[in-house]
């Protein structure tokens, strides 16, 4: 695990003591006690700078990564130039260092593999690619075969050129229009 420094007076009051008494305080605060705030960091952190693979996968906003496999889970390695911002992270980090980042939303385009590989990533979920057939998509999803850079219904962000993505054809509650409708009732 990682250890982090924190300000115990972040809410203006000291943290609870380990062995409280049952006696009332002689000088009570007028402020209500706030629940503990989990310590999470979205600040860019340099935790690995050697060549090769880090000893453990890097969490989101940690670097320096060189490839997606250096990051935890389905997170990706954001290959940046200079002090380019890293999605979902704050701060500048170190110039030209690369950092892991997670998928911002469930319907953000996200490339996980191709042709059923790596096997553990399939079936693909919503707005995940690259799919080649409906059977590579999860239940209720279909593979949107793109012929260029057209957007995929219900997905946000920037899709990778030439990649096909799984989508929900009923994203708006009705199926999408068909390409060649008839005039028959």
C-alpha atoms as a PDB file:
ATOM      1  CA  UNK A   1       0.000   0.000   0.000  1.00  0.00           C
ATOM      2  CA  UNK A   2       0.870   3.643  -0.321  1.00  0.00           C
ATOM      3  CA  UNK A   3       1.274   6.002   2.629  1.00  0.00           C
ATOM      4  CA  UNK A   4       0.137   9.588   2.270  1.00  0.00           C
ATOM      5  CA  UNK A   5       0.617  12.763   4.266  1.00  0.00           C
ATOM      6  CA  UNK A   6      -2.522  14.661   5.217  1.00  0.00           C
ATOM      7  CA  UNK A   7      -3.592  17.693   7.229  1.00  0.00           C
ATOM      8  CA  UNK A   8      -5.509  16.468  10.313  1.00  0.00           C
ATOM      9  CA  UNK A   9      -7.009  19.946  10.701  1.00  0.00           C
ATOM     10  CA  UNK A  10      -8.357  20.066   7.118  1.00  0.00           C
ATOM     11  CA  UNK A  11     -11.906  20.806   8.359  1.00  0.00           C
ATOM     12  CA  UNK A  12     -10.738  23.244  11.033  1.00  0.00           C
ATOM     13  CA  UNK A  13     -11.120  20.767  13.886  1.00  0.00           C
ATOM     14  CA  UNK A  14      -8.643  18.275  15.298  1.00  0.00           C
ATOM     15  CA  UNK A  15      -9.089  14.566  14.535  1.00  0.00           C
ATOM     16  CA  UNK A  16     -10.867  12.392  17.138  1.00  0.00           C
ATOM     17  CA  UNK A  17      -8.700  11.116  19.958  1.00  0.00           C
ATOM     18  CA  UNK A  18      -7.997   7.409  20.405  1.00  0.00           C
ATOM     19  CA  UNK A  19      -9.423   7.130  23.956  1.00  0.00           C
ATOM     20  CA  UNK A  20     -12.276   9.613  24.418  1.00  0.00           C
ATOM     21  CA  UNK A  21     -13.751  10.235  27.869  1.00  0.00           C
ATOM     22  CA  UNK A  22     -17.420  10.224  28.787  1.00  0.00           C
ATOM     23  CA  UNK A  23     -17.061  13.679  30.333  1.00  0.00           C
ATOM     24  CA  UNK A  24     -18.447  16.725  28.551  1.00  0.00           C
ATOM     25  CA  UNK A  25     -15.905  19.165  27.219  1.00  0.00           C
ATOM     26  CA  UNK A  26     -15.395  22.433  29.067  1.00  0.00           C
ATOM     27  CA  UNK A  27     -15.098  24.397  25.819  1.00  0.00           C
ATOM     28  CA  UNK A  28     -17.371  22.836  23.145  1.00  0.00           C
ATOM     29  CA  UNK A  29     -17.136  23.828  19.510  1.00  0.00           C
ATOM     30  CA  UNK A  30     -20.135  25.359  17.776  1.00  0.00           C
ATOM     31  CA  UNK A  31     -19.194  23.511  14.575  1.00  0.00           C
ATOM     32  CA  UNK A  32     -20.756  20.116  13.810  1.00  0.00           C
ATOM     33  CA  UNK A  33     -18.452  17.134  13.554  1.00  0.00           C
ATOM     34  CA  UNK A  34     -17.879  16.211   9.936  1.00  0.00           C
ATOM     35  CA  UNK A  35     -17.524  12.621   8.707  1.00  0.00           C
ATOM     36  CA  UNK A  36     -14.027  11.468   7.753  1.00  0.00           C
ATOM     37  CA  UNK A  37     -12.995  12.295   4.215  1.00  0.00           C
ATOM     38  CA  UNK A  38     -11.229   9.471   2.367  1.00  0.00           C
ATOM     39  CA  UNK A  39      -7.700  10.379   1.388  1.00  0.00           C
ATOM     40  CA  UNK A  40      -7.433  10.066  -2.379  1.00  0.00           C
ATOM     41  CA  UNK A  41      -5.109  11.878  -4.665  1.00  0.00           C
ATOM     42  CA  UNK A  42      -5.666  13.066  -8.177  1.00  0.00           C
ATOM     43  CA  UNK A  43      -2.400  15.010  -8.160  1.00  0.00           C
ATOM     44  CA  UNK A  44       0.267  13.742 -10.509  1.00  0.00           C
ATOM     45  CA  UNK A  45       2.852  11.725  -8.566  1.00  0.00           C
ATOM     46  CA  UNK A  46       6.266  10.491  -9.666  1.00  0.00           C
ATOM     47  CA  UNK A  47       6.564   7.082  -8.011  1.00  0.00           C
ATOM     48  CA  UNK A  48       8.673   5.247 -10.597  1.00  0.00           C
ATOM     49  CA  UNK A  49      11.413   6.634 -12.773  1.00  0.00           C
ATOM     50  CA  UNK A  50      13.677   3.687 -13.585  1.00  0.00           C
ATOM     51  CA  UNK A  51      13.813   1.897 -16.925  1.00  0.00           C
ATOM     52  CA  UNK A  52      11.761  -1.257 -17.423  1.00  0.00           C
ATOM     53  CA  UNK A  53       8.618  -2.356 -15.612  1.00  0.00           C
ATOM     54  CA  UNK A  54       7.609  -0.852 -12.250  1.00  0.00           C
ATOM     55  CA  UNK A  55       7.622  -3.380  -9.356  1.00  0.00           C
ATOM     56  CA  UNK A  56       3.829  -3.024  -8.983  1.00  0.00           C
ATOM     57  CA  UNK A  57       1.237  -1.535 -11.359  1.00  0.00           C
ATOM     58  CA  UNK A  58       0.872   2.227 -11.064  1.00  0.00           C
ATOM     59  CA  UNK A  59      -2.388   3.773  -9.854  1.00  0.00           C
ATOM     60  CA  UNK A  60      -4.184   6.558 -11.710  1.00  0.00           C
ATOM     61  CA  UNK A  61      -2.177   9.807 -11.747  1.00  0.00           C
ATOM     62  CA  UNK A  62       1.070   7.960 -10.980  1.00  0.00           C
ATOM     63  CA  UNK A  63       4.056   7.772 -13.297  1.00  0.00           C
ATOM     64  CA  UNK A  64       6.363   7.293 -15.020  1.00  0.00           C
ATOM     65  CA  UNK A  65       4.706   4.662 -17.222  1.00  0.00           C
ATOM     66  CA  UNK A  66       5.750   3.593 -20.716  1.00  0.00           C
ATOM     67  CA  UNK A  67       2.828   1.342 -21.682  1.00  0.00           C
ATOM     68  CA  UNK A  68      -0.697   0.444 -20.549  1.00  0.00           C
ATOM     69  CA  UNK A  69       0.481  -2.734 -18.786  1.00  0.00           C
ATOM     70  CA  UNK A  70       2.387  -0.502 -16.315  1.00  0.00           C
ATOM     71  CA  UNK A  71      -1.003   0.746 -15.004  1.00  0.00           C
ATOM     72  CA  UNK A  72      -3.526  -0.886 -12.652  1.00  0.00           C
ATOM     73  CA  UNK A  73      -6.578  -2.626 -14.109  1.00  0.00           C
ATOM     74  CA  UNK A  74      -7.961  -1.085 -17.287  1.00  0.00           C
ATOM     75  CA  UNK A  75      -6.164   2.225 -16.780  1.00  0.00           C
ATOM     76  CA  UNK A  76      -4.017   3.529 -19.619  1.00  0.00           C
ATOM     77  CA  UNK A  77      -0.620   5.180 -19.857  1.00  0.00           C
ATOM     78  CA  UNK A  78      -1.066   8.745 -21.095  1.00  0.00           C
ATOM     79  CA  UNK A  79       1.887   9.464 -23.377  1.00  0.00           C
ATOM     80  CA  UNK A  80       2.330  13.201 -23.095  1.00  0.00           C
ATOM     81  CA  UNK A  81       4.494  15.947 -24.473  1.00  0.00           C
ATOM     82  CA  UNK A  82       5.969  18.456 -22.021  1.00  0.00           C
ATOM     83  CA  UNK A  83       3.443  19.403 -19.345  1.00  0.00           C
ATOM     84  CA  UNK A  84       0.340  18.307 -21.277  1.00  0.00           C
ATOM     85  CA  UNK A  85      -2.611  17.797 -18.853  1.00  0.00           C
ATOM     86  CA  UNK A  86      -3.458  14.178 -17.940  1.00  0.00           C
ATOM     87  CA  UNK A  87      -7.215  13.354 -18.007  1.00  0.00           C
ATOM     88  CA  UNK A  88      -8.674  13.116 -14.487  1.00  0.00           C
ATOM     89  CA  UNK A  89      -5.472  14.296 -12.793  1.00  0.00           C
ATOM     90  CA  UNK A  90      -4.378  17.642 -11.397  1.00  0.00           C
ATOM     91  CA  UNK A  91      -1.009  19.337 -11.299  1.00  0.00           C
ATOM     92  CA  UNK A  92       1.770  19.488 -13.856  1.00  0.00           C
ATOM     93  CA  UNK A  93       3.945  16.566 -12.783  1.00  0.00           C
ATOM     94  CA  UNK A  94       7.373  16.319 -14.359  1.00  0.00           C
ATOM     95  CA  UNK A  95       7.880  17.486 -17.932  1.00  0.00           C
ATOM     96  CA  UNK A  96       7.682  14.667 -20.509  1.00  0.00           C
ATOM     97  CA  UNK A  97       6.903  12.016 -17.879  1.00  0.00           C
ATOM     98  CA  UNK A  98       3.923   9.793 -18.654  1.00  0.00           C
ATOM     99  CA  UNK A  99       1.154   9.025 -16.147  1.00  0.00           C
ATOM    100  CA  UNK A 100      -1.583   6.424 -15.730  1.00  0.00           C
ATOM    101  CA  UNK A 101      -5.183   7.574 -16.020  1.00  0.00           C
ATOM    102  CA  UNK A 102      -8.594   5.918 -15.747  1.00  0.00           C
ATOM    103  CA  UNK A 103     -11.637   5.983 -17.975  1.00  0.00           C
ATOM    104  CA  UNK A 104     -13.503   9.215 -17.180  1.00  0.00           C
ATOM    105  CA  UNK A 105     -17.044   7.834 -17.698  1.00  0.00           C
ATOM    106  CA  UNK A 106     -18.709   4.556 -18.625  1.00  0.00           C
ATOM    107  CA  UNK A 107     -19.581   5.898 -22.083  1.00  0.00           C
ATOM    108  CA  UNK A 108     -16.162   7.364 -22.955  1.00  0.00           C
ATOM    109  CA  UNK A 109     -14.503   5.599 -25.891  1.00  0.00           C
ATOM    110  CA  UNK A 110     -12.071   3.027 -24.469  1.00  0.00           C
ATOM    111  CA  UNK A 111      -9.841   0.685 -26.441  1.00  0.00           C
ATOM    112  CA  UNK A 112      -9.255  -2.659 -24.710  1.00  0.00           C
ATOM    113  CA  UNK A 113      -8.177  -5.079 -27.426  1.00  0.00           C
ATOM    114  CA  UNK A 114      -8.930  -6.608 -30.799  1.00  0.00           C
ATOM    115  CA  UNK A 115     -10.008  -9.958 -32.277  1.00  0.00           C
ATOM    116  CA  UNK A 116     -10.893 -11.303 -28.822  1.00  0.00           C
ATOM    117  CA  UNK A 117      -7.460 -10.560 -27.384  1.00  0.00           C
ATOM    118  CA  UNK A 118      -6.651 -10.193 -24.576  1.00  0.00           C
ATOM    119  CA  UNK A 119      -9.314 -12.770 -23.818  1.00  0.00           C
ATOM    120  CA  UNK A 120     -10.080 -11.456 -20.305  1.00  0.00           C
ATOM    121  CA  UNK A 121     -11.271  -8.112 -21.762  1.00  0.00           C
ATOM    122  CA  UNK A 122     -14.007  -9.745 -23.862  1.00  0.00           C
ATOM    123  CA  UNK A 123     -16.936  -9.452 -24.178  1.00  0.00           C
ATOM    124  CA  UNK A 124     -16.526  -5.696 -24.437  1.00  0.00           C
ATOM    125  CA  UNK A 125     -18.726  -3.225 -22.579  1.00  0.00           C
ATOM    126  CA  UNK A 126     -20.403   0.013 -23.577  1.00  0.00           C
ATOM    127  CA  UNK A 127     -18.240   2.190 -25.883  1.00  0.00           C
ATOM    128  CA  UNK A 128     -15.344  -0.272 -25.662  1.00  0.00           C
ATOM    129  CA  UNK A 129     -13.446  -1.487 -28.693  1.00  0.00           C
ATOM    130  CA  UNK A 130     -12.177  -2.814 -30.933  1.00  0.00           C
ATOM    131  CA  UNK A 131     -15.024  -5.155 -31.832  1.00  0.00           C
ATOM    132  CA  UNK A 132     -15.429  -6.987 -35.119  1.00  0.00           C
ATOM    133  CA  UNK A 133     -18.806  -8.639 -34.517  1.00  0.00           C
ATOM    134  CA  UNK A 134     -21.762  -8.387 -32.123  1.00  0.00           C
ATOM    135  CA  UNK A 135     -20.634 -11.538 -30.278  1.00  0.00           C
ATOM    136  CA  UNK A 136     -17.588  -9.601 -29.009  1.00  0.00           C
ATOM    137  CA  UNK A 137     -19.929  -7.183 -27.193  1.00  0.00           C
ATOM    138  CA  UNK A 138     -21.684  -7.716 -23.858  1.00  0.00           C
ATOM    139  CA  UNK A 139     -25.403  -8.472 -23.475  1.00  0.00           C
ATOM    140  CA  UNK A 140     -27.691  -5.926 -25.161  1.00  0.00           C
ATOM    141  CA  UNK A 141     -24.808  -4.273 -27.009  1.00  0.00           C
ATOM    142  CA  UNK A 142     -23.928  -4.427 -30.692  1.00  0.00           C
ATOM    143  CA  UNK A 143     -20.728  -3.726 -32.592  1.00  0.00           C
ATOM    144  CA  UNK A 144     -20.809  -0.467 -34.541  1.00  0.00           C
ATOM    145  CA  UNK A 145     -18.698  -1.020 -37.666  1.00  0.00           C
ATOM    146  CA  UNK A 146     -17.263   2.389 -38.535  1.00  0.00           C
ATOM    147  CA  UNK A 147     -16.044   3.172 -42.031  1.00  0.00           C
ATOM    148  CA  UNK A 148     -14.177   6.320 -41.003  1.00  0.00           C
ATOM    149  CA  UNK A 149     -14.207   8.679 -38.061  1.00  0.00           C
ATOM    150  CA  UNK A 150     -17.970   8.843 -37.517  1.00  0.00           C
ATOM    151  CA  UNK A 151     -19.157   8.996 -33.881  1.00  0.00           C
ATOM    152  CA  UNK A 152     -20.831   6.055 -32.165  1.00  0.00           C
ATOM    153  CA  UNK A 153     -24.337   6.618 -30.763  1.00  0.00           C
ATOM    154  CA  UNK A 154     -24.179   7.239 -26.993  1.00  0.00           C
ATOM    155  CA  UNK A 155     -20.370   7.407 -26.739  1.00  0.00           C
ATOM    156  CA  UNK A 156     -18.337  10.503 -25.859  1.00  0.00           C
ATOM    157  CA  UNK A 157     -14.750  11.586 -26.378  1.00  0.00           C
ATOM    158  CA  UNK A 158     -12.583  10.954 -29.407  1.00  0.00           C
ATOM    159  CA  UNK A 159     -12.693   7.483 -30.959  1.00  0.00           C
ATOM    160  CA  UNK A 160      -9.522   5.965 -32.373  1.00  0.00           C
ATOM    161  CA  UNK A 161      -9.471   6.039 -36.169  1.00  0.00           C
ATOM    162  CA  UNK A 162     -10.341   2.661 -37.644  1.00  0.00           C
ATOM    163  CA  UNK A 163     -11.601   1.178 -34.359  1.00  0.00           C
ATOM    164  CA  UNK A 164     -15.110  -0.219 -33.943  1.00  0.00           C
ATOM    165  CA  UNK A 165     -16.992   0.098 -30.645  1.00  0.00           C
ATOM    166  CA  UNK A 166     -19.815  -1.661 -28.806  1.00  0.00           C
ATOM    167  CA  UNK A 167     -22.902   0.462 -28.197  1.00  0.00           C
ATOM    168  CA  UNK A 168     -26.459   0.244 -26.932  1.00  0.00           C
ATOM    169  CA  UNK A 169     -28.822   0.527 -29.911  1.00  0.00           C
ATOM    170  CA  UNK A 170     -31.619   1.497 -27.504  1.00  0.00           C
ATOM    171  CA  UNK A 171     -29.615   4.280 -25.791  1.00  0.00           C
ATOM    172  CA  UNK A 172     -32.491   6.745 -26.237  1.00  0.00           C
ATOM    173  CA  UNK A 173     -35.220   4.166 -25.567  1.00  0.00           C
ATOM    174  CA  UNK A 174     -35.879   3.444 -29.239  1.00  0.00           C
ATOM    175  CA  UNK A 175     -33.817   1.640 -31.850  1.00  0.00           C
ATOM    176  CA  UNK A 176     -31.796   3.787 -34.252  1.00  0.00           C
ATOM    177  CA  UNK A 177     -33.273   4.488 -37.686  1.00  0.00           C
ATOM    178  CA  UNK A 178     -32.588   1.917 -40.360  1.00  0.00           C
ATOM    179  CA  UNK A 179     -30.493   2.792 -43.386  1.00  0.00           C
ATOM    180  CA  UNK A 180     -33.107   2.001 -46.060  1.00  0.00           C
ATOM    181  CA  UNK A 181     -36.642   2.509 -44.721  1.00  0.00           C
ATOM    182  CA  UNK A 182     -39.632   1.437 -46.783  1.00  0.00           C
ATOM    183  CA  UNK A 183     -42.758   3.410 -47.594  1.00  0.00           C
ATOM    184  CA  UNK A 184     -45.009   0.570 -46.474  1.00  0.00           C
ATOM    185  CA  UNK A 185     -47.104   0.934 -43.301  1.00  0.00           C
END
